[in-house]
Amino acid sequence: MRKLGCSIIIIVLLLVSVIAFNFVYGWFADGPSEREVTIEIGNGANLRQVAQILEDGNVVKSKDAFYFRARILGGDTSIKAGEFNIPVAASNSDIMAIIQDGKSKQRLITIPEGFASIQVYERLLANELLSGEIEVPKEGSILPDSYSFEKGETRAQLLARMTVAMDKALSEAWENRSKDAVVKSPQEAIILASIIEKETALPNEYPTVASVYSNRLRDNIMLQADPTFIYPITQGKPLGRRIRRSDIDAKNDYNTYTKFGLPIGPIANPSIGAIEAALNPAQTEYVYFVADGKGGHDFSKTYAEHQEKVQNWYKIRDAQQ
C-alpha cells in the first residue's frame, strides 16, 4: 500500500513537471505566424482582449493559452496601445515584450525640399493615418525631411516636430554663418534660402546661386528671381502655364523684378543645404545665371557674357521643343 502511494505521488509529480514544462516551453516556443503581421491595440485594451486580437491575427495558437501564460510569466509591465509589427514565428514571450515595450510601428511622411507650406498642409491632410485639423503653417517654418509617425498621431503634433526641426537647423546654421553673409537675420536667411531652393534642383549649385543673389543684394541690384513673382499667384505651387509679361510687371511685396531687396517673406520651405548656402555663399563675382540645358546653370560676371549664354539656352530650348 505504501509503495502504491509512493508510485502515485511520483506519477503526479511527473505529470505536474510535464505540464509545467509544456506551460513554460509554450511561452518561448515559435509561434504559428509565417509572415510579419501588424496588430493594433486600442487604448484601454485588457489582456483578454489583446489575446483575442493575437489569435485573430494568427500570431498565437490559442488566446486562452497566451492569456494564462502571460498572467504568470509576462511580468507586471502594462500593455501599450498602438500598432505593432510581430515578426515571423514570434513566441508568446517575444510578443509580450513587443507590446509591453510600446515600440509601435513607425511610418514615414516626406516633405521634399522647396515644398511650399500649402503643399505641406495638403500632404498632411491627405494622410488618413493622421488625425485632427491644422492650419496652413507659416511659410518657411518647416524643415524638409522624412518624419516618422504612428497611426492616429495628430497632424498638429507632427507639424510641431517639423517646426522644431527647422528652428534647430536654422539656429545651428546661423551660429556657423560666414562673416561675408549678406543677410542680417535668421528670417532673411530663410527668405534667401527659399529663393535658392526654387532656382536650382542641384545642391552642388546652392553656394554659387547664393553668391549671385548675395552679390546683387550687396550691390543694390534687383534680384530678378522668377520664383518670387510666381509665388503670389500660386502660393508656391507650380504655375502650370507660360509666364506672362503681366506676371513679371506685377507690383507686390514678393516680386523682385519690381522691388529691390528680398521679398517680404519666404516663398517655400528650404532645405538645410540651401540655408547653409545662404549663410555661406561661394566667393564669386557672378551676378547672372541662366539654364544650361543639362539641368544646371551657366553663371556670368557681365551682362554681355550673360546674353551670349541666354541665346545659347534659347537654341537648346527650341531644339528640344
Protein backbone atom coordinates (compact mmCIF):
# COMPACT_ATOMS: atom_id res chain seq x y z
CA MET A 1 0.00 0.00 0.00
CA ARG A 2 2.85 2.34 0.92
CA LYS A 3 4.58 1.51 -2.40
CA LEU A 4 1.36 2.28 -4.29
CA GLY A 5 1.09 5.65 -2.55
CA CYS A 6 4.66 6.49 -3.41
CA SER A 7 4.09 5.49 -7.02
CA ILE A 8 1.00 7.74 -7.26
CA ILE A 9 2.96 10.66 -5.81
CA ILE A 10 5.76 10.11 -8.30
CA ILE A 11 3.30 9.92 -11.19
CA VAL A 12 1.56 13.09 -10.03
CA LEU A 13 4.89 14.87 -9.71
CA LEU A 14 5.88 13.71 -13.19
CA LEU A 15 2.58 14.91 -14.61
CA VAL A 16 2.97 18.27 -12.89
CA SER A 17 6.50 18.53 -14.19
CA VAL A 18 5.39 17.73 -17.73
CA ILE A 19 2.55 20.23 -17.53
CA ALA A 20 4.86 22.89 -16.08
CA PHE A 21 7.46 22.19 -18.73
CA ASN A 22 4.90 22.45 -21.52
CA PHE A 23 3.49 25.59 -19.95
CA VAL A 24 6.89 27.29 -19.88
CA TYR A 25 8.00 25.78 -23.20
CA GLY A 26 4.86 27.14 -24.87
CA TRP A 27 5.81 30.61 -23.67
CA PHE A 28 9.14 30.53 -25.50
CA ALA A 29 8.31 28.24 -28.44
CA ASP A 30 7.96 29.57 -32.00
CA GLY A 31 4.55 30.94 -32.84
CA PRO A 32 2.35 29.98 -35.83
CA SER A 33 2.80 33.13 -37.95
CA GLU A 34 4.55 32.52 -41.28
CA ARG A 35 4.83 36.21 -42.14
CA GLU A 36 5.25 39.51 -40.34
CA VAL A 37 1.91 40.69 -39.01
CA THR A 38 0.81 44.14 -37.87
CA ILE A 39 -1.62 44.20 -34.97
CA GLU A 40 -3.40 47.19 -33.49
CA ILE A 41 -4.13 47.54 -29.78
CA GLY A 42 -6.57 50.24 -28.78
CA ASN A 43 -6.36 52.45 -25.73
CA GLY A 44 -7.53 50.64 -22.60
CA ALA A 45 -7.46 47.15 -24.10
CA ASN A 46 -7.07 44.47 -21.42
CA LEU A 47 -5.06 41.25 -21.62
CA ARG A 48 -8.02 39.09 -22.67
CA GLN A 49 -8.87 41.48 -25.49
CA VAL A 50 -5.23 41.52 -26.59
CA ALA A 51 -5.15 37.71 -26.56
CA GLN A 52 -8.18 37.69 -28.87
CA ILE A 53 -6.51 40.17 -31.23
CA LEU A 54 -3.40 37.97 -31.33
CA GLU A 55 -5.39 34.83 -32.09
CA ASP A 56 -7.38 36.63 -34.80
CA GLY A 57 -4.08 37.70 -36.34
CA ASN A 58 -2.78 34.11 -36.20
CA VAL A 59 0.27 35.10 -34.18
CA VAL A 60 -0.69 32.85 -31.23
CA LYS A 61 -2.25 29.40 -31.43
CA SER A 62 -4.64 29.88 -28.55
CA LYS A 63 -5.91 33.07 -26.93
CA ASP A 64 -6.56 31.22 -23.67
CA ALA A 65 -3.10 29.67 -23.54
CA PHE A 66 -1.50 33.06 -24.24
CA TYR A 67 -3.66 34.75 -21.60
CA PHE A 68 -2.80 32.30 -18.81
CA ARG A 69 0.89 32.18 -19.68
CA ALA A 70 1.03 35.99 -19.87
CA ARG A 71 -0.65 36.30 -16.46
CA ILE A 72 2.01 34.13 -14.85
CA LEU A 73 5.13 34.68 -16.97
CA GLY A 74 4.53 38.08 -18.58
CA GLY A 75 5.68 40.28 -15.73
CA ASP A 76 3.82 43.26 -14.37
CA THR A 77 4.59 45.81 -17.11
CA SER A 78 1.44 47.25 -18.63
CA ILE A 79 0.44 46.76 -22.26
CA LYS A 80 0.84 49.75 -24.55
CA ALA A 81 -1.64 50.94 -27.14
CA GLY A 82 -0.60 51.30 -30.77
CA GLU A 83 0.36 49.35 -33.88
CA PHE A 84 2.99 46.65 -33.52
CA ASN A 85 4.92 44.56 -36.03
CA ILE A 86 5.00 40.93 -34.93
CA PRO A 87 7.88 39.05 -36.61
CA VAL A 88 7.59 35.65 -38.28
CA ALA A 89 7.25 32.79 -35.75
CA ALA A 90 7.37 35.19 -32.78
CA SER A 91 6.94 33.37 -29.47
CA ASN A 92 4.43 34.36 -26.79
CA SER A 93 7.34 35.82 -24.87
CA ASP A 94 8.53 37.84 -27.87
CA ILE A 95 5.05 39.20 -28.49
CA MET A 96 4.58 40.21 -24.87
CA ALA A 97 7.89 42.05 -24.88
CA ILE A 98 6.90 43.93 -28.03
CA ILE A 99 3.53 45.13 -26.73
CA GLN A 100 4.94 45.98 -23.31
CA ASP A 101 7.91 47.96 -24.65
CA GLY A 102 5.48 50.10 -26.63
CA LYS A 103 7.70 50.38 -29.72
CA SER A 104 4.89 50.99 -32.17
CA LYS A 105 5.16 50.59 -35.91
CA GLN A 106 6.66 53.69 -37.46
CA ARG A 107 5.54 55.21 -40.75
CA LEU A 108 7.23 57.93 -42.76
CA ILE A 109 5.93 61.07 -44.40
CA THR A 110 8.32 63.03 -46.63
CA ILE A 111 8.38 66.78 -47.12
CA PRO A 112 10.51 67.46 -50.23
CA GLU A 113 12.96 70.35 -50.40
CA GLY A 114 11.27 73.51 -51.63
CA PHE A 115 7.73 72.42 -50.76
CA ALA A 116 5.52 75.42 -50.09
CA SER A 117 3.52 75.44 -46.87
CA ILE A 118 0.23 74.92 -48.70
CA GLN A 119 1.75 71.73 -50.13
CA VAL A 120 2.86 70.60 -46.66
CA TYR A 121 -0.68 71.27 -45.41
CA GLU A 122 -2.26 69.27 -48.24
CA ARG A 123 0.13 66.34 -47.80
CA LEU A 124 -0.59 66.09 -44.08
CA LEU A 125 -4.32 66.46 -44.63
CA ALA A 126 -4.35 63.72 -47.28
CA ASN A 127 -2.70 61.17 -44.97
CA GLU A 128 -5.60 59.21 -43.49
CA LEU A 129 -3.43 57.63 -40.79
CA LEU A 130 -3.06 61.03 -39.11
CA SER A 131 -5.82 62.70 -37.13
CA GLY A 132 -7.04 66.18 -36.30
CA GLU A 133 -7.16 69.52 -38.06
CA ILE A 134 -4.36 72.01 -38.75
CA GLU A 135 -3.97 75.37 -40.40
CA VAL A 136 -1.51 76.11 -43.20
CA PRO A 137 1.84 76.56 -41.45
CA LYS A 138 3.83 79.76 -41.76
CA GLU A 139 5.89 79.76 -44.95
CA GLY A 140 9.50 78.77 -44.33
CA SER A 141 8.81 77.29 -40.89
CA ILE A 142 9.03 73.59 -41.87
CA LEU A 143 12.31 71.71 -42.37
CA PRO A 144 12.05 69.39 -45.39
CA ASP A 145 12.84 65.82 -44.34
CA SER A 146 11.26 62.40 -43.80
CA TYR A 147 9.42 62.20 -40.48
CA SER A 148 8.26 59.07 -38.68
CA PHE A 149 4.81 58.94 -37.13
CA GLU A 150 2.41 56.48 -35.56
CA LYS A 151 -1.08 55.73 -36.76
CA GLY A 152 -3.53 58.07 -35.08
CA GLU A 153 -0.93 60.71 -34.22
CA THR A 154 -2.34 64.19 -34.67
CA ARG A 155 -1.30 66.34 -37.57
CA ALA A 156 -0.64 69.15 -35.12
CA GLN A 157 1.89 67.00 -33.22
CA LEU A 158 3.72 66.06 -36.42
CA LEU A 159 3.67 69.65 -37.67
CA ALA A 160 5.12 70.82 -34.35
CA ARG A 161 8.04 68.39 -34.72
CA MET A 162 8.70 69.70 -38.23
CA THR A 163 8.74 73.25 -36.90
CA VAL A 164 11.11 72.39 -34.05
CA ALA A 165 13.42 70.70 -36.56
CA MET A 166 13.55 73.90 -38.65
CA ASP A 167 14.15 76.09 -35.60
CA LYS A 168 17.05 73.88 -34.54
CA ALA A 169 18.59 73.65 -38.02
CA LEU A 170 18.30 77.40 -38.59
CA SER A 171 19.79 78.23 -35.19
CA GLU A 172 22.80 76.00 -35.81
CA ALA A 173 23.33 77.35 -39.34
CA TRP A 174 23.06 80.95 -38.12
CA GLU A 175 25.72 80.34 -35.47
CA ASN A 176 28.06 78.99 -38.17
CA ARG A 177 27.40 81.72 -40.76
CA SER A 178 30.20 83.33 -42.74
CA LYS A 179 31.29 86.87 -41.96
CA ASP A 180 30.59 87.54 -45.65
CA ALA A 181 26.92 86.58 -45.38
CA VAL A 182 24.81 89.42 -46.74
CA VAL A 183 21.65 88.51 -44.80
CA LYS A 184 21.20 90.29 -41.49
CA SER A 185 18.87 87.95 -39.61
CA PRO A 186 17.74 84.30 -39.50
CA GLN A 187 14.47 85.35 -41.17
CA GLU A 188 16.38 86.92 -44.07
CA ALA A 189 18.42 83.71 -44.31
CA ILE A 190 15.21 81.69 -44.72
CA ILE A 191 13.90 84.09 -47.35
CA LEU A 192 17.10 83.95 -49.40
CA ALA A 193 17.40 80.18 -48.94
CA SER A 194 13.85 79.70 -50.23
CA ILE A 195 14.75 81.56 -53.44
CA ILE A 196 17.93 79.49 -53.85
CA GLU A 197 15.91 76.30 -53.33
CA LYS A 198 13.39 77.24 -56.02
CA GLU A 199 16.04 78.36 -58.51
CA THR A 200 18.06 75.15 -58.69
CA ALA A 201 17.44 71.46 -58.12
CA LEU A 202 21.16 70.76 -57.77
CA PRO A 203 22.50 71.02 -54.21
CA ASN A 204 26.03 71.50 -55.52
CA GLU A 205 24.82 74.74 -57.14
CA TYR A 206 23.37 76.20 -53.94
CA PRO A 207 26.53 78.11 -52.88
CA THR A 208 27.03 79.58 -56.38
CA VAL A 209 23.40 80.65 -56.76
CA ALA A 210 23.67 82.11 -53.26
CA SER A 211 26.72 84.09 -54.37
CA VAL A 212 24.79 85.60 -57.31
CA TYR A 213 21.99 86.86 -55.09
CA SER A 214 24.37 87.94 -52.34
CA ASN A 215 26.37 89.98 -54.87
CA ARG A 216 23.18 91.57 -56.20
CA LEU A 217 21.94 92.45 -52.72
CA ARG A 218 25.33 93.87 -51.80
CA ASP A 219 25.44 95.99 -54.98
CA ASN A 220 21.78 97.05 -54.72
CA ILE A 221 20.81 95.26 -57.94
CA MET A 222 17.32 93.83 -58.24
CA LEU A 223 17.34 90.06 -57.65
CA GLN A 224 15.01 89.40 -60.60
CA ALA A 225 14.26 85.86 -59.40
CA ASP A 226 11.39 84.31 -61.35
CA PRO A 227 10.03 82.24 -58.44
CA THR A 228 9.35 85.44 -56.48
CA PHE A 229 6.72 86.75 -58.90
CA ILE A 230 5.17 83.29 -59.26
CA TYR A 231 4.65 82.85 -55.51
CA PRO A 232 1.82 85.42 -55.07
CA ILE A 233 -0.02 83.76 -57.95
CA THR A 234 0.20 80.13 -56.79
CA GLN A 235 1.31 80.35 -53.13
CA GLY A 236 4.25 78.11 -54.04
CA LYS A 237 2.56 75.56 -56.28
CA PRO A 238 3.71 75.08 -59.90
CA LEU A 239 2.47 77.83 -62.24
CA GLY A 240 1.17 75.34 -64.79
CA ARG A 241 1.40 77.76 -67.71
CA ARG A 242 3.80 80.05 -69.52
CA ILE A 243 4.97 83.17 -67.74
CA ARG A 244 3.15 86.32 -68.84
CA ARG A 245 4.54 89.83 -69.09
CA SER A 246 1.90 90.90 -66.58
CA ASP A 247 3.34 88.39 -64.06
CA ILE A 248 6.78 89.95 -64.35
CA ASP A 249 5.46 93.51 -64.13
CA ALA A 250 3.17 92.89 -61.15
CA LYS A 251 3.89 95.18 -58.22
CA ASN A 252 3.75 93.40 -54.87
CA ASP A 253 5.95 92.68 -51.87
CA TYR A 254 7.30 89.46 -53.38
CA ASN A 255 8.16 90.37 -56.96
CA THR A 256 11.90 91.03 -57.14
CA TYR A 257 11.51 92.32 -60.72
CA THR A 258 9.65 95.38 -59.42
CA LYS A 259 11.20 95.84 -55.97
CA PHE A 260 14.74 95.98 -54.63
CA GLY A 261 15.99 93.64 -51.92
CA LEU A 262 14.48 90.45 -50.62
CA PRO A 263 10.80 89.56 -50.82
CA ILE A 264 8.67 90.28 -47.75
CA GLY A 265 8.77 86.60 -46.76
CA PRO A 266 9.92 83.11 -47.80
CA ILE A 267 8.46 81.57 -50.93
CA ALA A 268 8.99 77.94 -49.85
CA ASN A 269 10.38 75.75 -47.09
CA PRO A 270 14.10 75.50 -47.86
CA SER A 271 16.40 72.59 -47.10
CA ILE A 272 19.27 72.82 -44.65
CA GLY A 273 21.62 72.83 -47.66
CA ALA A 274 20.00 75.95 -49.10
CA ILE A 275 20.03 77.66 -45.69
CA GLU A 276 23.71 76.93 -45.21
CA ALA A 277 24.42 78.26 -48.72
CA ALA A 278 22.56 81.49 -47.99
CA LEU A 279 24.71 81.95 -44.91
CA ASN A 280 27.95 80.73 -46.53
CA PRO A 281 27.80 81.77 -50.20
CA ALA A 282 30.61 80.93 -52.57
CA GLN A 283 33.09 83.74 -53.22
CA THR A 284 32.40 84.72 -56.83
CA GLU A 285 31.85 87.80 -58.98
CA TYR A 286 28.80 86.31 -60.68
CA VAL A 287 25.66 88.42 -60.95
CA TYR A 288 23.81 86.45 -63.65
CA PHE A 289 22.86 82.87 -64.39
CA VAL A 290 20.72 81.02 -66.91
CA ALA A 291 19.77 77.39 -67.54
CA ASP A 292 22.41 75.37 -69.37
CA GLY A 293 20.02 72.82 -70.87
CA LYS A 294 21.53 69.99 -68.85
CA GLY A 295 19.65 70.51 -65.61
CA GLY A 296 22.09 73.06 -64.24
CA HIS A 297 23.04 76.68 -64.88
CA ASP A 298 25.67 78.83 -66.58
CA PHE A 299 26.96 81.73 -64.48
CA SER A 300 28.27 85.07 -65.73
CA LYS A 301 30.06 88.13 -64.39
CA THR A 302 28.95 90.57 -67.11
CA TYR A 303 25.69 91.29 -68.90
CA ALA A 304 27.30 90.73 -72.31
CA GLU A 305 28.54 87.29 -71.28
CA HIS A 306 25.14 86.53 -69.82
CA GLN A 307 23.36 87.45 -73.06
CA GLU A 308 25.53 85.03 -75.01
CA LYS A 309 24.57 82.25 -72.65
CA VAL A 310 20.91 83.23 -72.80
CA GLN A 311 20.98 82.95 -76.59
CA ASN A 312 22.62 79.56 -76.27
CA TRP A 313 19.87 78.46 -73.89
CA TYR A 314 17.21 79.63 -76.37
CA LYS A 315 18.79 77.44 -79.07
CA ILE A 316 18.82 74.43 -76.76
CA ARG A 317 15.23 75.05 -75.65
CA ASP A 318 13.96 75.48 -79.22
CA ALA A 319 15.74 72.30 -80.31
CA GLN A 320 14.02 70.37 -77.52
CA GLN A 321 10.52 71.55 -78.46
